[in-house]
Amino acid sequence: MKGADETAIAILGWLADEQELMSRFLTLTGTDAASLRTAIGEPGFMGGLVAFLMDHEPTLMSFCAATQTPPEEVVRAYQALSGPMDFDGD
């Protein structure tokens, strides 16, 4: 079982081989390829990587199949990096 940061880094590595998805991720986050190295150390960026997969189940499942990562591991990483979830709207 990987830790949350390891899972996020695995997602980034997978996205590096998926140019269309990487382009979409960079556009959504406002990050450019040149600033990826510095962004990797930022908790918000790591959480954004995992959230990117969590927001689109087909992408999540493609990552899991390609990397042999159980979806539950991605969910745990999401929970760890995103903080407590508030379903009340508060």
PDB file of N, CA and C in Angstrom:
ATOM      1  N   MET A   1       0.846  -1.180   0.000  1.00  0.00           N
ATOM      2  CA  MET A   1       0.000   0.000   0.000  1.00  0.00           C
ATOM      3  C   MET A   1       0.892   1.244   0.000  1.00  0.00           C
ATOM      4  N   LYS A   2       0.608   2.146  -0.898  1.00  0.00           N
ATOM      5  CA  LYS A   2       1.362   3.397  -1.011  1.00  0.00           C
ATOM      6  C   LYS A   2       0.765   4.445  -0.080  1.00  0.00           C
ATOM      7  N   GLY A   3       1.626   5.383   0.320  1.00  0.00           N
ATOM      8  CA  GLY A   3       1.151   6.550   1.054  1.00  0.00           C
ATOM      9  C   GLY A   3       0.493   7.522   0.085  1.00  0.00           C
ATOM     10  N   ALA A   4      -0.159   8.529   0.636  1.00  0.00           N
ATOM     11  CA  ALA A   4      -0.882   9.501  -0.192  1.00  0.00           C
ATOM     12  C   ALA A   4       0.053  10.222  -1.162  1.00  0.00           C
ATOM     13  N   ASP A   5       1.224  10.648  -0.678  1.00  0.00           N
ATOM     14  CA  ASP A   5       2.164  11.350  -1.549  1.00  0.00           C
ATOM     15  C   ASP A   5       2.677  10.435  -2.657  1.00  0.00           C
ATOM     16  N   GLU A   6       2.957   9.186  -2.307  1.00  0.00           N
ATOM     17  CA  GLU A   6       3.421   8.224  -3.316  1.00  0.00           C
ATOM     18  C   GLU A   6       2.359   7.998  -4.389  1.00  0.00           C
ATOM     19  N   THR A   7       1.116   7.931  -3.966  1.00  0.00           N
ATOM     20  CA  THR A   7       0.024   7.759  -4.929  1.00  0.00           C
ATOM     21  C   THR A   7      -0.067   8.971  -5.843  1.00  0.00           C
ATOM     22  N   ALA A   8       0.037  10.162  -5.281  1.00  0.00           N
ATOM     23  CA  ALA A   8      -0.022  11.383  -6.092  1.00  0.00           C
ATOM     24  C   ALA A   8       1.126  11.428  -7.096  1.00  0.00           C
ATOM     25  N   ILE A   9       2.322  11.031  -6.664  1.00  0.00           N
ATOM     26  CA  ILE A   9       3.473  11.017  -7.572  1.00  0.00           C
ATOM     27  C   ILE A   9       3.276   9.975  -8.662  1.00  0.00           C
ATOM     28  N   ALA A  10       2.679   8.828  -8.315  1.00  0.00           N
ATOM     29  CA  ALA A  10       2.382   7.805  -9.321  1.00  0.00           C
ATOM     30  C   ALA A  10       1.388   8.347 -10.349  1.00  0.00           C
ATOM     31  N   ILE A  11       0.417   9.120  -9.891  1.00  0.00           N
ATOM     32  CA  ILE A  11      -0.552   9.738 -10.804  1.00  0.00           C
ATOM     33  C   ILE A  11       0.162  10.688 -11.757  1.00  0.00           C
ATOM     34  N   LEU A  12       1.062  11.510 -11.216  1.00  0.00           N
ATOM     35  CA  LEU A  12       1.807  12.437 -12.062  1.00  0.00           C
ATOM     36  C   LEU A  12       2.634  11.686 -13.101  1.00  0.00           C
ATOM     37  N   GLY A  13       3.283  10.618 -12.686  1.00  0.00           N
ATOM     38  CA  GLY A  13       4.064   9.811 -13.621  1.00  0.00           C
ATOM     39  C   GLY A  13       3.202   9.223 -14.725  1.00  0.00           C
ATOM     40  N   TRP A  14       2.023   8.769 -14.352  1.00  0.00           N
ATOM     41  CA  TRP A  14       1.098   8.209 -15.339  1.00  0.00           C
ATOM     42  C   TRP A  14       0.609   9.303 -16.290  1.00  0.00           C
ATOM     43  N   LEU A  15       0.288  10.466 -15.725  1.00  0.00           N
ATOM     44  CA  LEU A  15      -0.177  11.574 -16.565  1.00  0.00           C
ATOM     45  C   LEU A  15       0.897  12.018 -17.566  1.00  0.00           C
ATOM     46  N   ALA A  16       2.154  11.881 -17.194  1.00  0.00           N
ATOM     47  CA  ALA A  16       3.248  12.281 -18.094  1.00  0.00           C
ATOM     48  C   ALA A  16       3.204  11.488 -19.397  1.00  0.00           C
ATOM     49  N   ASP A  17       2.667  10.279 -19.336  1.00  0.00           N
ATOM     50  CA  ASP A  17       2.544   9.448 -20.545  1.00  0.00           C
ATOM     51  C   ASP A  17       1.188   9.618 -21.234  1.00  0.00           C
ATOM     52  N   GLU A  18       0.312  10.394 -20.655  1.00  0.00           N
ATOM     53  CA  GLU A  18      -1.029  10.625 -21.194  1.00  0.00           C
ATOM     54  C   GLU A  18      -1.145  12.111 -21.544  1.00  0.00           C
ATOM     55  N   GLN A  19      -0.584  12.479 -22.679  1.00  0.00           N
ATOM     56  CA  GLN A  19      -0.434  13.901 -23.016  1.00  0.00           C
ATOM     57  C   GLN A  19      -1.748  14.688 -22.998  1.00  0.00           C
ATOM     58  N   GLU A  20      -2.813  14.113 -23.513  1.00  0.00           N
ATOM     59  CA  GLU A  20      -4.091  14.829 -23.528  1.00  0.00           C
ATOM     60  C   GLU A  20      -4.591  15.098 -22.112  1.00  0.00           C
ATOM     61  N   LEU A  21      -4.492  14.082 -21.246  1.00  0.00           N
ATOM     62  CA  LEU A  21      -4.921  14.257 -19.857  1.00  0.00           C
ATOM     63  C   LEU A  21      -3.998  15.215 -19.119  1.00  0.00           C
ATOM     64  N   MET A  22      -2.696  15.121 -19.368  1.00  0.00           N
ATOM     65  CA  MET A  22      -1.752  16.031 -18.720  1.00  0.00           C
ATOM     66  C   MET A  22      -2.049  17.472 -19.123  1.00  0.00           C
ATOM     67  N   SER A  23      -2.326  17.680 -20.380  1.00  0.00           N
ATOM     68  CA  SER A  23      -2.655  19.019 -20.856  1.00  0.00           C
ATOM     69  C   SER A  23      -3.908  19.544 -20.165  1.00  0.00           C
ATOM     70  N   ARG A  24      -4.914  18.684 -20.035  1.00  0.00           N
ATOM     71  CA  ARG A  24      -6.154  19.090 -19.365  1.00  0.00           C
ATOM     72  C   ARG A  24      -5.890  19.400 -17.893  1.00  0.00           C
ATOM     73  N   PHE A  25      -5.101  18.558 -17.231  1.00  0.00           N
ATOM     74  CA  PHE A  25      -4.771  18.786 -15.825  1.00  0.00           C
ATOM     75  C   PHE A  25      -4.057  20.126 -15.657  1.00  0.00           C
ATOM     76  N   LEU A  26      -3.054  20.381 -16.489  1.00  0.00           N
ATOM     77  CA  LEU A  26      -2.310  21.634 -16.386  1.00  0.00           C
ATOM     78  C   LEU A  26      -3.213  22.835 -16.619  1.00  0.00           C
ATOM     79  N   THR A  27      -4.115  22.718 -17.566  1.00  0.00           N
ATOM     80  CA  THR A  27      -5.044  23.808 -17.849  1.00  0.00           C
ATOM     81  C   THR A  27      -5.973  24.051 -16.654  1.00  0.00           C
ATOM     82  N   LEU A  28      -6.515  22.973 -16.103  1.00  0.00           N
ATOM     83  CA  LEU A  28      -7.437  23.105 -14.966  1.00  0.00           C
ATOM     84  C   LEU A  28      -6.770  23.691 -13.736  1.00  0.00           C
ATOM     85  N   THR A  29      -5.507  23.360 -13.533  1.00  0.00           N
ATOM     86  CA  THR A  29      -4.819  23.823 -12.325  1.00  0.00           C
ATOM     87  C   THR A  29      -4.086  25.140 -12.528  1.00  0.00           C
ATOM     88  N   GLY A  30      -3.957  25.582 -13.770  1.00  0.00           N
ATOM     89  CA  GLY A  30      -3.224  26.812 -14.037  1.00  0.00           C
ATOM     90  C   GLY A  30      -1.727  26.648 -13.875  1.00  0.00           C
ATOM     91  N   THR A  31      -1.274  25.416 -13.934  1.00  0.00           N
ATOM     92  CA  THR A  31       0.152  25.113 -13.810  1.00  0.00           C
ATOM     93  C   THR A  31       0.714  24.911 -15.205  1.00  0.00           C
ATOM     94  N   ASP A  32       1.971  25.264 -15.383  1.00  0.00           N
ATOM     95  CA  ASP A  32       2.600  24.951 -16.657  1.00  0.00           C
ATOM     96  C   ASP A  32       3.680  23.897 -16.421  1.00  0.00           C
ATOM     97  N   ALA A  33       4.109  23.280 -17.488  1.00  0.00           N
ATOM     98  CA  ALA A  33       5.067  22.182 -17.391  1.00  0.00           C
ATOM     99  C   ALA A  33       6.350  22.616 -16.688  1.00  0.00           C
ATOM    100  N   ALA A  34       6.765  23.843 -16.899  1.00  0.00           N
ATOM    101  CA  ALA A  34       8.006  24.336 -16.305  1.00  0.00           C
ATOM    102  C   ALA A  34       7.938  24.429 -14.776  1.00  0.00           C
ATOM    103  N   SER A  35       6.771  24.638 -14.228  1.00  0.00           N
ATOM    104  CA  SER A  35       6.661  24.797 -12.776  1.00  0.00           C
ATOM    105  C   SER A  35       6.252  23.510 -12.050  1.00  0.00           C
ATOM    106  N   LEU A  36       6.174  22.406 -12.769  1.00  0.00           N
ATOM    107  CA  LEU A  36       5.779  21.142 -12.137  1.00  0.00           C
ATOM    108  C   LEU A  36       6.717  20.731 -11.010  1.00  0.00           C
ATOM    109  N   ARG A  37       8.005  20.865 -11.207  1.00  0.00           N
ATOM    110  CA  ARG A  37       8.964  20.418 -10.182  1.00  0.00           C
ATOM    111  C   ARG A  37       8.768  21.127  -8.860  1.00  0.00           C
ATOM    112  N   THR A  38       8.528  22.416  -8.898  1.00  0.00           N
ATOM    113  CA  THR A  38       8.325  23.139  -7.641  1.00  0.00           C
ATOM    114  C   THR A  38       6.936  22.874  -7.071  1.00  0.00           C
ATOM    115  N   ALA A  39       5.968  22.651  -7.931  1.00  0.00           N
ATOM    116  CA  ALA A  39       4.596  22.411  -7.474  1.00  0.00           C
ATOM    117  C   ALA A  39       4.463  21.069  -6.762  1.00  0.00           C
ATOM    118  N   ILE A  40       5.296  20.094  -7.127  1.00  0.00           N
ATOM    119  CA  ILE A  40       5.182  18.749  -6.563  1.00  0.00           C
ATOM    120  C   ILE A  40       5.268  18.759  -5.042  1.00  0.00           C
ATOM    121  N   GLY A  41       6.054  19.637  -4.466  1.00  0.00           N
ATOM    122  CA  GLY A  41       6.191  19.682  -3.019  1.00  0.00           C
ATOM    123  C   GLY A  41       5.043  20.356  -2.293  1.00  0.00           C
ATOM    124  N   GLU A  42       4.125  20.930  -3.006  1.00  0.00           N
ATOM    125  CA  GLU A  42       3.020  21.657  -2.382  1.00  0.00           C
ATOM    126  C   GLU A  42       1.836  20.724  -2.127  1.00  0.00           C
ATOM    127  N   PRO A  43       1.346  20.690  -0.878  1.00  0.00           N
ATOM    128  CA  PRO A  43       0.224  19.797  -0.554  1.00  0.00           C
ATOM    129  C   PRO A  43      -1.003  20.033  -1.436  1.00  0.00           C
ATOM    130  N   GLY A  44      -1.297  21.277  -1.744  1.00  0.00           N
ATOM    131  CA  GLY A  44      -2.465  21.554  -2.582  1.00  0.00           C
ATOM    132  C   GLY A  44      -2.332  20.964  -3.968  1.00  0.00           C
ATOM    133  N   PHE A  45      -1.134  20.983  -4.510  1.00  0.00           N
ATOM    134  CA  PHE A  45      -0.892  20.407  -5.834  1.00  0.00           C
ATOM    135  C   PHE A  45      -1.057  18.894  -5.785  1.00  0.00           C
ATOM    136  N   MET A  46      -0.506  18.269  -4.755  1.00  0.00           N
ATOM    137  CA  MET A  46      -0.610  16.811  -4.613  1.00  0.00           C
ATOM    138  C   MET A  46      -2.086  16.407  -4.489  1.00  0.00           C
ATOM    139  N   GLY A  47      -2.830  17.151  -3.694  1.00  0.00           N
ATOM    140  CA  GLY A  47      -4.263  16.884  -3.561  1.00  0.00           C
ATOM    141  C   GLY A  47      -4.986  17.095  -4.879  1.00  0.00           C
ATOM    142  N   GLY A  48      -4.556  18.092  -5.650  1.00  0.00           N
ATOM    143  CA  GLY A  48      -5.157  18.354  -6.956  1.00  0.00           C
ATOM    144  C   GLY A  48      -4.946  17.213  -7.939  1.00  0.00           C
ATOM    145  N   LEU A  49      -3.774  16.579  -7.868  1.00  0.00           N
ATOM    146  CA  LEU A  49      -3.516  15.425  -8.737  1.00  0.00           C
ATOM    147  C   LEU A  49      -4.526  14.307  -8.470  1.00  0.00           C
ATOM    148  N   VAL A  50      -4.710  14.020  -7.183  1.00  0.00           N
ATOM    149  CA  VAL A  50      -5.627  12.939  -6.820  1.00  0.00           C
ATOM    150  C   VAL A  50      -7.071  13.346  -7.127  1.00  0.00           C
ATOM    151  N   ALA A  51      -7.418  14.586  -6.843  1.00  0.00           N
ATOM    152  CA  ALA A  51      -8.782  15.064  -7.114  1.00  0.00           C
ATOM    153  C   ALA A  51      -9.094  15.006  -8.602  1.00  0.00           C
ATOM    154  N   PHE A  52      -8.090  15.253  -9.433  1.00  0.00           N
ATOM    155  CA  PHE A  52      -8.274  15.187 -10.883  1.00  0.00           C
ATOM    156  C   PHE A  52      -8.790  13.803 -11.287  1.00  0.00           C
ATOM    157  N   LEU A  53      -8.231  12.759 -10.705  1.00  0.00           N
ATOM    158  CA  LEU A  53      -8.719  11.402 -11.004  1.00  0.00           C
ATOM    159  C   LEU A  53     -10.085  11.149 -10.384  1.00  0.00           C
ATOM    160  N   MET A  54     -10.262  11.607  -9.164  1.00  0.00           N
ATOM    161  CA  MET A  54     -11.514  11.351  -8.453  1.00  0.00           C
ATOM    162  C   MET A  54     -12.701  12.028  -9.130  1.00  0.00           C
ATOM    163  N   ASP A  55     -12.443  13.087  -9.869  1.00  0.00           N
ATOM    164  CA  ASP A  55     -13.521  13.819 -10.532  1.00  0.00           C
ATOM    165  C   ASP A  55     -13.995  13.169 -11.819  1.00  0.00           C
ATOM    166  N   HIS A  56     -13.298  12.129 -12.284  1.00  0.00           N
ATOM    167  CA  HIS A  56     -13.678  11.499 -13.549  1.00  0.00           C
ATOM    168  C   HIS A  56     -13.379  10.001 -13.461  1.00  0.00           C
ATOM    169  N   GLU A  57     -14.424   9.223 -13.194  1.00  0.00           N
ATOM    170  CA  GLU A  57     -14.239   7.794 -12.949  1.00  0.00           C
ATOM    171  C   GLU A  57     -13.520   7.058 -14.080  1.00  0.00           C
ATOM    172  N   PRO A  58     -13.816   7.332 -15.357  1.00  0.00           N
ATOM    173  CA  PRO A  58     -13.067   6.618 -16.408  1.00  0.00           C
ATOM    174  C   PRO A  58     -11.555   6.888 -16.338  1.00  0.00           C
ATOM    175  N   THR A  59     -11.174   8.108 -15.994  1.00  0.00           N
ATOM    176  CA  THR A  59      -9.750   8.422 -15.854  1.00  0.00           C
ATOM    177  C   THR A  59      -9.171   7.691 -14.652  1.00  0.00           C
ATOM    178  N   LEU A  60      -9.912   7.687 -13.559  1.00  0.00           N
ATOM    179  CA  LEU A  60      -9.495   6.947 -12.361  1.00  0.00           C
ATOM    180  C   LEU A  60      -9.270   5.477 -12.695  1.00  0.00           C
ATOM    181  N   MET A  61     -10.214   4.880 -13.376  1.00  0.00           N
ATOM    182  CA  MET A  61     -10.113   3.453 -13.684  1.00  0.00           C
ATOM    183  C   MET A  61      -8.981   3.170 -14.672  1.00  0.00           C
ATOM    184  N   SER A  62      -8.720   4.086 -15.594  1.00  0.00           N
ATOM    185  CA  SER A  62      -7.594   3.924 -16.521  1.00  0.00           C
ATOM    186  C   SER A  62      -6.273   3.941 -15.762  1.00  0.00           C
ATOM    187  N   PHE A  63      -6.143   4.885 -14.824  1.00  0.00           N
ATOM    188  CA  PHE A  63      -4.938   4.950 -13.995  1.00  0.00           C
ATOM    189  C   PHE A  63      -4.763   3.654 -13.208  1.00  0.00           C
ATOM    190  N   CYS A  64      -5.831   3.214 -12.566  1.00  0.00           N
ATOM    191  CA  CYS A  64      -5.760   2.005 -11.734  1.00  0.00           C
ATOM    192  C   CYS A  64      -5.373   0.781 -12.556  1.00  0.00           C
ATOM    193  N   ALA A  65      -5.944   0.652 -13.737  1.00  0.00           N
ATOM    194  CA  ALA A  65      -5.623  -0.486 -14.599  1.00  0.00           C
ATOM    195  C   ALA A  65      -4.174  -0.427 -15.079  1.00  0.00           C
ATOM    196  N   ALA A  66      -3.732   0.752 -15.472  1.00  0.00           N
ATOM    197  CA  ALA A  66      -2.384   0.900 -16.018  1.00  0.00           C
ATOM    198  C   ALA A  66      -1.301   0.709 -14.962  1.00  0.00           C
ATOM    199  N   THR A  67      -1.590   1.079 -13.719  1.00  0.00           N
ATOM    200  CA  THR A  67      -0.579   1.033 -12.664  1.00  0.00           C
ATOM    201  C   THR A  67      -0.832  -0.077 -11.646  1.00  0.00           C
ATOM    202  N   GLN A  68      -1.887  -0.832 -11.854  1.00  0.00           N
ATOM    203  CA  GLN A  68      -2.275  -1.899 -10.928  1.00  0.00           C
ATOM    204  C   GLN A  68      -2.443  -1.366  -9.501  1.00  0.00           C
ATOM    205  N   THR A  69      -3.058  -0.198  -9.424  1.00  0.00           N
ATOM    206  CA  THR A  69      -3.350   0.445  -8.146  1.00  0.00           C
ATOM    207  C   THR A  69      -4.823   0.224  -7.820  1.00  0.00           C
ATOM    208  N   PRO A  70      -5.128  -0.311  -6.647  1.00  0.00           N
ATOM    209  CA  PRO A  70      -6.538  -0.461  -6.284  1.00  0.00           C
ATOM    210  C   PRO A  70      -7.211   0.908  -6.166  1.00  0.00           C
ATOM    211  N   PRO A  71      -8.431   1.057  -6.659  1.00  0.00           N
ATOM    212  CA  PRO A  71      -9.139   2.342  -6.541  1.00  0.00           C
ATOM    213  C   PRO A  71      -9.226   2.831  -5.090  1.00  0.00           C
ATOM    214  N   GLU A  72      -9.329   1.896  -4.162  1.00  0.00           N
ATOM    215  CA  GLU A  72      -9.426   2.270  -2.743  1.00  0.00           C
ATOM    216  C   GLU A  72      -8.172   3.031  -2.284  1.00  0.00           C
ATOM    217  N   GLU A  73      -7.031   2.709  -2.878  1.00  0.00           N
ATOM    218  CA  GLU A  73      -5.798   3.402  -2.535  1.00  0.00           C
ATOM    219  C   GLU A  73      -5.858   4.871  -2.976  1.00  0.00           C
ATOM    220  N   VAL A  74      -6.460   5.103  -4.124  1.00  0.00           N
ATOM    221  CA  VAL A  74      -6.623   6.475  -4.612  1.00  0.00           C
ATOM    222  C   VAL A  74      -7.605   7.221  -3.710  1.00  0.00           C
ATOM    223  N   VAL A  75      -8.661   6.552  -3.286  1.00  0.00           N
ATOM    224  CA  VAL A  75      -9.639   7.171  -2.384  1.00  0.00           C
ATOM    225  C   VAL A  75      -8.969   7.551  -1.062  1.00  0.00           C
ATOM    226  N   ARG A  76      -8.147   6.661  -0.522  1.00  0.00           N
ATOM    227  CA  ARG A  76      -7.439   6.971   0.732  1.00  0.00           C
ATOM    228  C   ARG A  76      -6.513   8.174   0.544  1.00  0.00           C
ATOM    229  N   ALA A  77      -5.807   8.210  -0.576  1.00  0.00           N
ATOM    230  CA  ALA A  77      -4.917   9.346  -0.854  1.00  0.00           C
ATOM    231  C   ALA A  77      -5.724  10.634  -0.964  1.00  0.00           C
ATOM    232  N   TYR A  78      -6.864  10.550  -1.617  1.00  0.00           N
ATOM    233  CA  TYR A  78      -7.737  11.719  -1.769  1.00  0.00           C
ATOM    234  C   TYR A  78      -8.168  12.242  -0.397  1.00  0.00           C
ATOM    235  N   GLN A  79      -8.579  11.329   0.465  1.00  0.00           N
ATOM    236  CA  GLN A  79      -9.028  11.728   1.798  1.00  0.00           C
ATOM    237  C   GLN A  79      -7.885  12.322   2.605  1.00  0.00           C
ATOM    238  N   ALA A  80      -6.698  11.747   2.479  1.00  0.00           N
ATOM    239  CA  ALA A  80      -5.543  12.232   3.240  1.00  0.00           C
ATOM    240  C   ALA A  80      -5.086  13.607   2.759  1.00  0.00           C
ATOM    241  N   LEU A  81      -5.112  13.826   1.453  1.00  0.00           N
ATOM    242  CA  LEU A  81      -4.590  15.069   0.893  1.00  0.00           C
ATOM    243  C   LEU A  81      -5.627  16.182   0.802  1.00  0.00           C
ATOM    244  N   SER A  82      -6.899  15.827   0.831  1.00  0.00           N
ATOM    245  CA  SER A  82      -7.944  16.834   0.690  1.00  0.00           C
ATOM    246  C   SER A  82      -8.498  17.303   2.020  1.00  0.00           C
ATOM    247  N   GLY A  83      -8.168  16.617   3.090  1.00  0.00           N
ATOM    248  CA  GLY A  83      -8.683  16.992   4.402  1.00  0.00           C
ATOM    249  C   GLY A  83     -10.087  16.473   4.601  1.00  0.00           C
ATOM    250  N   PRO A  84     -10.685  16.826   5.719  1.00  0.00           N
ATOM    251  CA  PRO A  84     -12.035  16.328   6.020  1.00  0.00           C
ATOM    252  C   PRO A  84     -13.049  16.858   5.003  1.00  0.00           C
ATOM    253  N   MET A  85     -13.972  15.983   4.670  1.00  0.00           N
ATOM    254  CA  MET A  85     -15.014  16.359   3.720  1.00  0.00           C
ATOM    255  C   MET A  85     -16.243  16.836   4.476  1.00  0.00           C
ATOM    256  N   ASP A  86     -16.859  17.884   3.976  1.00  0.00           N
ATOM    257  CA  ASP A  86     -18.049  18.456   4.578  1.00  0.00           C
ATOM    258  C   ASP A  86     -19.194  18.301   3.588  1.00  0.00           C
ATOM    259  N   PHE A  87     -20.121  17.428   3.916  1.00  0.00           N
ATOM    260  CA  PHE A  87     -21.231  17.175   3.011  1.00  0.00           C
ATOM    261  C   PHE A  87     -22.453  18.041   3.318  1.00  0.00           C
ATOM    262  N   ASP A  88     -22.354  18.885   4.351  1.00  0.00           N
ATOM    263  CA  ASP A  88     -23.481  19.741   4.729  1.00  0.00           C
ATOM    264  C   ASP A  88     -23.559  21.014   3.914  1.00  0.00           C
ATOM    265  N   GLY A  89     -22.452  21.343   3.264  1.00  0.00           N
ATOM    266  CA  GLY A  89     -22.411  22.618   2.585  1.00  0.00           C
ATOM    267  C   GLY A  89     -21.984  23.737   3.506  1.00  0.00           C
ATOM    268  N   ASP A  90     -21.575  23.389   4.744  1.00  0.00           N
ATOM    269  CA  ASP A  90     -21.107  24.405   5.713  1.00  0.00           C
ATOM    270  C   ASP A  90     -19.678  24.786   5.450  1.00  0.00           C
TER     271      ASP A  90
END
